[in-house]
N, C-alpha and C. Protein backbone atom coordinates (compact mmCIF):
# COMPACT_ATOMS: atom_id res chain seq x y z
N MET A 1 -148.14 116.82 -137.89
CA MET A 1 -149.57 117.08 -137.91
C MET A 1 -150.25 116.30 -136.78
N THR A 2 -151.09 116.98 -136.05
CA THR A 2 -151.88 116.33 -135.00
C THR A 2 -153.19 115.85 -135.60
N PRO A 3 -153.54 114.58 -135.39
CA PRO A 3 -154.80 114.09 -135.95
C PRO A 3 -156.00 114.87 -135.40
N ALA A 4 -157.03 114.99 -136.22
CA ALA A 4 -158.27 115.65 -135.80
C ALA A 4 -158.90 114.85 -134.67
N PRO A 5 -159.70 115.52 -133.83
CA PRO A 5 -160.40 114.79 -132.76
C PRO A 5 -161.35 113.73 -133.36
N ILE A 6 -161.54 112.67 -132.61
CA ILE A 6 -162.47 111.62 -133.03
C ILE A 6 -163.89 112.15 -132.94
N LYS A 7 -164.67 111.86 -133.97
CA LYS A 7 -166.07 112.31 -133.99
C LYS A 7 -166.88 111.57 -132.93
N PRO A 8 -168.07 112.10 -132.58
CA PRO A 8 -168.91 111.42 -131.58
C PRO A 8 -169.30 110.02 -132.04
N GLU A 9 -169.52 109.14 -131.08
CA GLU A 9 -169.95 107.77 -131.38
C GLU A 9 -171.27 107.77 -132.14
N ILE A 10 -171.43 106.78 -132.99
CA ILE A 10 -172.69 106.57 -133.71
C ILE A 10 -173.12 105.13 -133.48
N PRO A 11 -174.40 104.84 -133.60
CA PRO A 11 -174.84 103.45 -133.49
C PRO A 11 -174.28 102.62 -134.65
N PHE A 12 -173.99 101.36 -134.40
CA PHE A 12 -173.46 100.48 -135.44
C PHE A 12 -174.39 100.45 -136.65
N GLU A 13 -175.69 100.53 -136.41
CA GLU A 13 -176.67 100.49 -137.50
C GLU A 13 -176.47 101.64 -138.47
N THR A 14 -176.04 102.79 -137.97
CA THR A 14 -175.78 103.94 -138.84
C THR A 14 -174.60 103.61 -139.77
N PHE A 15 -173.54 103.08 -139.21
CA PHE A 15 -172.40 102.68 -140.02
C PHE A 15 -172.79 101.59 -141.02
N ALA A 16 -173.54 100.60 -140.56
CA ALA A 16 -173.91 99.47 -141.42
C ALA A 16 -174.78 99.91 -142.59
N ALA A 17 -175.43 101.05 -142.49
CA ALA A 17 -176.29 101.55 -143.57
C ALA A 17 -175.49 102.11 -144.74
N ILE A 18 -174.21 102.41 -144.53
CA ILE A 18 -173.38 102.96 -145.61
C ILE A 18 -172.85 101.82 -146.45
N ASP A 19 -173.13 101.86 -147.76
CA ASP A 19 -172.70 100.81 -148.68
C ASP A 19 -171.43 101.27 -149.40
N ILE A 20 -170.30 100.71 -148.95
CA ILE A 20 -169.00 101.05 -149.54
C ILE A 20 -168.54 99.83 -150.34
N ARG A 21 -168.23 100.07 -151.62
CA ARG A 21 -167.84 98.97 -152.50
C ARG A 21 -166.58 99.28 -153.28
N VAL A 22 -165.91 98.22 -153.70
CA VAL A 22 -164.73 98.35 -154.55
C VAL A 22 -165.20 98.46 -156.00
N GLY A 23 -164.61 99.40 -156.70
CA GLY A 23 -164.86 99.55 -158.13
C GLY A 23 -163.56 99.85 -158.83
N THR A 24 -163.50 99.51 -160.12
CA THR A 24 -162.33 99.83 -160.94
C THR A 24 -162.63 101.05 -161.79
N ILE A 25 -161.76 102.03 -161.73
CA ILE A 25 -161.91 103.23 -162.53
C ILE A 25 -161.53 102.89 -163.96
N VAL A 26 -162.50 102.96 -164.87
CA VAL A 26 -162.25 102.57 -166.26
C VAL A 26 -162.04 103.78 -167.18
N ASP A 27 -162.44 104.96 -166.73
CA ASP A 27 -162.25 106.15 -167.55
C ASP A 27 -162.27 107.37 -166.63
N VAL A 28 -161.48 108.36 -166.97
CA VAL A 28 -161.44 109.62 -166.24
C VAL A 28 -161.51 110.76 -167.24
N GLY A 29 -162.42 111.69 -166.98
CA GLY A 29 -162.53 112.86 -167.84
C GLY A 29 -162.72 114.11 -167.03
N GLU A 30 -162.64 115.24 -167.70
CA GLU A 30 -162.86 116.52 -167.05
C GLU A 30 -164.34 116.88 -167.12
N VAL A 31 -164.79 117.65 -166.16
CA VAL A 31 -166.12 118.25 -166.19
C VAL A 31 -165.88 119.67 -166.69
N ALA A 32 -166.38 119.97 -167.89
CA ALA A 32 -166.05 121.21 -168.58
C ALA A 32 -166.32 122.47 -167.75
N SER A 33 -167.38 122.48 -166.99
CA SER A 33 -167.76 123.69 -166.25
C SER A 33 -167.16 123.74 -164.84
N SER A 34 -166.16 122.89 -164.55
CA SER A 34 -165.57 122.88 -163.21
C SER A 34 -164.06 122.73 -163.30
N GLN A 35 -163.37 123.47 -162.45
CA GLN A 35 -161.91 123.38 -162.37
C GLN A 35 -161.45 122.27 -161.43
N LYS A 36 -162.36 121.79 -160.56
CA LYS A 36 -161.93 120.80 -159.56
C LYS A 36 -162.51 119.40 -159.78
N LEU A 37 -163.64 119.29 -160.49
CA LEU A 37 -164.29 117.99 -160.62
C LEU A 37 -163.71 117.14 -161.76
N ALA A 38 -163.52 115.87 -161.47
CA ALA A 38 -163.18 114.87 -162.49
C ALA A 38 -164.38 113.93 -162.61
N GLN A 39 -164.64 113.48 -163.82
CA GLN A 39 -165.73 112.53 -164.06
C GLN A 39 -165.13 111.14 -164.20
N LEU A 40 -165.43 110.29 -163.21
CA LEU A 40 -164.92 108.92 -163.22
C LEU A 40 -166.00 107.99 -163.74
N ARG A 41 -165.63 107.04 -164.58
CA ARG A 41 -166.52 105.95 -164.98
C ARG A 41 -166.00 104.75 -164.22
N VAL A 42 -166.86 104.14 -163.38
CA VAL A 42 -166.42 103.11 -162.44
C VAL A 42 -167.19 101.81 -162.69
N ASP A 43 -166.44 100.71 -162.80
CA ASP A 43 -167.02 99.37 -163.01
C ASP A 43 -167.21 98.71 -161.65
N PHE A 44 -168.47 98.36 -161.33
CA PHE A 44 -168.79 97.68 -160.09
C PHE A 44 -169.14 96.20 -160.31
N GLY A 45 -168.73 95.65 -161.43
CA GLY A 45 -168.95 94.24 -161.70
C GLY A 45 -170.21 93.97 -162.48
N ASP A 46 -171.36 94.35 -161.91
CA ASP A 46 -172.64 94.12 -162.59
C ASP A 46 -173.17 95.38 -163.27
N HIS A 47 -172.51 96.51 -163.05
CA HIS A 47 -172.90 97.77 -163.69
C HIS A 47 -171.77 98.77 -163.57
N THR A 48 -171.86 99.85 -164.36
CA THR A 48 -170.92 100.95 -164.24
C THR A 48 -171.68 102.20 -163.82
N ARG A 49 -170.96 103.13 -163.22
CA ARG A 49 -171.56 104.39 -162.77
C ARG A 49 -170.64 105.54 -163.10
N THR A 50 -171.26 106.70 -163.22
CA THR A 50 -170.51 107.95 -163.32
C THR A 50 -170.43 108.54 -161.92
N ILE A 51 -169.23 108.80 -161.46
CA ILE A 51 -169.03 109.38 -160.13
C ILE A 51 -168.09 110.57 -160.29
N LEU A 52 -168.55 111.73 -159.81
CA LEU A 52 -167.73 112.92 -159.85
C LEU A 52 -166.92 113.02 -158.56
N ALA A 53 -165.69 113.47 -158.72
CA ALA A 53 -164.80 113.61 -157.55
C ALA A 53 -164.02 114.91 -157.70
N GLY A 54 -163.91 115.66 -156.64
CA GLY A 54 -163.18 116.93 -156.65
C GLY A 54 -161.69 116.73 -156.51
N ILE A 55 -161.07 116.11 -157.51
CA ILE A 55 -159.66 115.71 -157.40
C ILE A 55 -158.74 116.35 -158.44
N ARG A 56 -159.28 117.15 -159.33
CA ARG A 56 -158.45 117.70 -160.42
C ARG A 56 -157.35 118.64 -159.91
N LYS A 57 -157.64 119.47 -158.93
CA LYS A 57 -156.63 120.42 -158.45
C LYS A 57 -155.48 119.70 -157.77
N GLU A 58 -155.77 118.65 -157.02
CA GLU A 58 -154.70 117.91 -156.32
C GLU A 58 -153.87 117.07 -157.27
N ARG A 59 -154.48 116.57 -158.34
CA ARG A 59 -153.80 115.62 -159.21
C ARG A 59 -153.36 116.22 -160.54
N GLY A 60 -153.96 117.35 -160.93
CA GLY A 60 -153.59 117.96 -162.20
C GLY A 60 -153.73 116.99 -163.36
N ASP A 61 -152.68 116.89 -164.17
CA ASP A 61 -152.71 116.00 -165.33
C ASP A 61 -152.64 114.53 -164.93
N ALA A 62 -152.34 114.26 -163.68
CA ALA A 62 -152.17 112.87 -163.23
C ALA A 62 -153.51 112.15 -163.04
N ILE A 63 -154.64 112.82 -163.24
CA ILE A 63 -155.92 112.12 -163.03
C ILE A 63 -156.04 110.93 -163.97
N GLY A 64 -155.41 111.00 -165.14
CA GLY A 64 -155.44 109.88 -166.07
C GLY A 64 -154.77 108.64 -165.53
N GLU A 65 -153.86 108.82 -164.57
CA GLU A 65 -153.17 107.67 -163.95
C GLU A 65 -154.10 106.83 -163.09
N LEU A 66 -155.31 107.32 -162.82
CA LEU A 66 -156.26 106.56 -162.01
C LEU A 66 -156.93 105.44 -162.79
N VAL A 67 -156.89 105.51 -164.12
CA VAL A 67 -157.53 104.48 -164.95
C VAL A 67 -156.90 103.13 -164.63
N GLY A 68 -157.76 102.15 -164.35
CA GLY A 68 -157.31 100.79 -164.04
C GLY A 68 -157.12 100.52 -162.56
N LYS A 69 -157.20 101.57 -161.74
CA LYS A 69 -157.02 101.38 -160.29
C LYS A 69 -158.35 101.05 -159.63
N GLN A 70 -158.28 100.19 -158.63
CA GLN A 70 -159.44 99.92 -157.79
C GLN A 70 -159.44 100.89 -156.63
N ALA A 71 -160.64 101.28 -156.21
CA ALA A 71 -160.78 102.19 -155.08
C ALA A 71 -162.10 101.90 -154.39
N LEU A 72 -162.30 102.54 -153.23
CA LEU A 72 -163.56 102.40 -152.50
C LEU A 72 -164.48 103.56 -152.84
N PHE A 73 -165.78 103.24 -152.97
CA PHE A 73 -166.80 104.22 -153.32
C PHE A 73 -168.03 104.00 -152.45
N VAL A 74 -168.67 105.09 -152.03
CA VAL A 74 -169.98 105.01 -151.36
C VAL A 74 -171.00 104.98 -152.49
N VAL A 75 -171.82 103.91 -152.52
CA VAL A 75 -172.73 103.71 -153.66
C VAL A 75 -174.20 103.89 -153.32
N ASN A 76 -174.55 104.14 -152.06
CA ASN A 76 -175.97 104.27 -151.73
C ASN A 76 -176.37 105.69 -151.33
N LEU A 77 -175.64 106.67 -151.84
CA LEU A 77 -176.06 108.06 -151.69
C LEU A 77 -177.02 108.39 -152.83
N PRO A 78 -177.96 109.31 -152.62
CA PRO A 78 -178.84 109.67 -153.74
C PRO A 78 -178.03 110.34 -154.85
N PRO A 79 -178.38 110.11 -156.12
CA PRO A 79 -177.69 110.79 -157.21
C PRO A 79 -177.76 112.31 -157.00
N ARG A 80 -176.68 112.99 -157.41
CA ARG A 80 -176.61 114.43 -157.18
C ARG A 80 -176.01 115.10 -158.41
N LYS A 81 -176.66 116.13 -158.89
CA LYS A 81 -176.15 116.87 -160.04
C LYS A 81 -175.15 117.91 -159.55
N MET A 82 -173.96 117.86 -160.16
CA MET A 82 -172.91 118.82 -159.84
C MET A 82 -172.34 119.34 -161.16
N ALA A 83 -172.25 120.64 -161.28
CA ALA A 83 -171.72 121.27 -162.50
C ALA A 83 -172.40 120.74 -163.75
N GLY A 84 -173.70 120.45 -163.63
CA GLY A 84 -174.48 120.00 -164.77
C GLY A 84 -174.37 118.51 -165.09
N VAL A 85 -173.63 117.74 -164.29
CA VAL A 85 -173.44 116.31 -164.53
C VAL A 85 -173.95 115.54 -163.31
N MET A 86 -174.65 114.44 -163.54
CA MET A 86 -175.18 113.62 -162.45
C MET A 86 -174.09 112.69 -161.91
N SER A 87 -173.90 112.72 -160.59
CA SER A 87 -172.96 111.83 -159.93
C SER A 87 -173.75 110.76 -159.19
N GLU A 88 -173.33 109.50 -159.35
CA GLU A 88 -174.05 108.36 -158.79
C GLU A 88 -173.29 107.69 -157.65
N GLY A 89 -172.61 108.48 -156.83
CA GLY A 89 -171.87 107.91 -155.70
C GLY A 89 -170.78 108.88 -155.29
N MET A 90 -169.87 108.39 -154.45
CA MET A 90 -168.81 109.25 -153.94
C MET A 90 -167.52 108.44 -153.80
N LEU A 91 -166.44 109.00 -154.30
CA LEU A 91 -165.11 108.41 -154.10
C LEU A 91 -164.77 108.52 -152.63
N PHE A 92 -164.30 107.44 -152.05
CA PHE A 92 -163.91 107.40 -150.65
C PHE A 92 -162.39 107.57 -150.63
N ASP A 93 -161.93 108.79 -150.36
CA ASP A 93 -160.48 109.01 -150.34
C ASP A 93 -160.00 109.34 -148.95
N ILE A 94 -158.69 109.48 -148.82
CA ILE A 94 -158.06 109.68 -147.52
C ILE A 94 -157.27 110.98 -147.55
N GLY A 95 -157.46 111.85 -146.56
CA GLY A 95 -156.61 112.99 -146.38
C GLY A 95 -157.21 114.35 -146.64
N PHE A 96 -158.18 114.46 -147.55
CA PHE A 96 -158.71 115.78 -147.93
C PHE A 96 -159.20 116.57 -146.73
N ALA A 97 -159.98 115.95 -145.85
CA ALA A 97 -160.55 116.66 -144.70
C ALA A 97 -159.48 117.18 -143.75
N ASP A 98 -158.29 116.60 -143.81
CA ASP A 98 -157.20 117.02 -142.93
C ASP A 98 -156.16 117.90 -143.62
N GLY A 99 -156.45 118.29 -144.86
CA GLY A 99 -155.50 119.13 -145.57
C GLY A 99 -154.27 118.40 -146.05
N VAL A 100 -154.36 117.08 -146.14
CA VAL A 100 -153.27 116.25 -146.63
C VAL A 100 -153.56 115.94 -148.10
N LEU A 101 -152.53 115.86 -148.93
CA LEU A 101 -152.74 115.50 -150.32
C LEU A 101 -153.53 114.20 -150.38
N PRO A 102 -154.74 114.21 -150.95
CA PRO A 102 -155.59 113.03 -150.92
C PRO A 102 -154.98 111.81 -151.61
N ALA A 103 -155.28 110.65 -151.05
CA ALA A 103 -154.87 109.36 -151.60
C ALA A 103 -156.12 108.50 -151.74
N LEU A 104 -156.12 107.61 -152.70
CA LEU A 104 -157.24 106.69 -152.85
C LEU A 104 -157.26 105.70 -151.70
N ALA A 105 -158.46 105.36 -151.23
CA ALA A 105 -158.63 104.24 -150.31
C ALA A 105 -158.82 103.03 -151.23
N MET A 106 -157.88 102.10 -151.17
CA MET A 106 -157.91 100.99 -152.12
C MET A 106 -157.49 99.68 -151.48
N PRO A 107 -157.97 98.57 -152.06
CA PRO A 107 -157.59 97.26 -151.50
C PRO A 107 -156.10 96.98 -151.71
N GLU A 108 -155.54 96.19 -150.81
CA GLU A 108 -154.11 95.86 -150.90
C GLU A 108 -153.80 94.91 -152.05
N ARG A 109 -154.79 94.20 -152.54
CA ARG A 109 -154.64 93.32 -153.69
C ARG A 109 -155.93 93.36 -154.48
N PRO A 110 -155.92 93.00 -155.76
CA PRO A 110 -157.16 93.04 -156.56
C PRO A 110 -158.25 92.15 -155.95
N VAL A 111 -159.45 92.66 -155.94
CA VAL A 111 -160.64 91.91 -155.48
C VAL A 111 -161.72 92.12 -156.54
N PRO A 112 -162.74 91.25 -156.57
CA PRO A 112 -163.79 91.44 -157.57
C PRO A 112 -164.49 92.79 -157.42
N ASN A 113 -164.75 93.45 -158.54
CA ASN A 113 -165.52 94.69 -158.50
C ASN A 113 -166.86 94.44 -157.85
N GLY A 114 -167.30 95.38 -157.04
CA GLY A 114 -168.56 95.25 -156.32
C GLY A 114 -168.42 94.66 -154.92
N THR A 115 -167.20 94.21 -154.57
CA THR A 115 -166.97 93.65 -153.22
C THR A 115 -167.24 94.75 -152.19
N ARG A 116 -167.97 94.38 -151.13
CA ARG A 116 -168.31 95.34 -150.09
C ARG A 116 -167.20 95.52 -149.08
N ALA A 117 -167.09 96.74 -148.55
CA ALA A 117 -166.16 97.03 -147.46
C ALA A 117 -166.93 97.00 -146.15
N GLY A 118 -166.22 96.72 -145.07
CA GLY A 118 -166.85 96.76 -143.76
C GLY A 118 -167.00 95.41 -143.12
């Protein structure tokens, strides 16, 4: 596979405005009205959030294996209703945009929930 071209440069301030944090997935459920969305309950240390992720088709029954794993999440996007459920962030995964089986972006060792990336 040839990597995709690098996107155009952006000012550092644009990157710095994105709030990416580590959270622990404490629960995973299905979104009844969607074949692709999973409903993640994520602990960020001082609060938990519901975050929807389009990962059910890639993971099938294995979505339950995500419980207890730490991953990176974008937490400063506006809440968005999808399939009738409000999502309060976005899972930061690797590979989907390139047609590769997605993998979680996760720390190499446990870190406190809510730790910022970048």
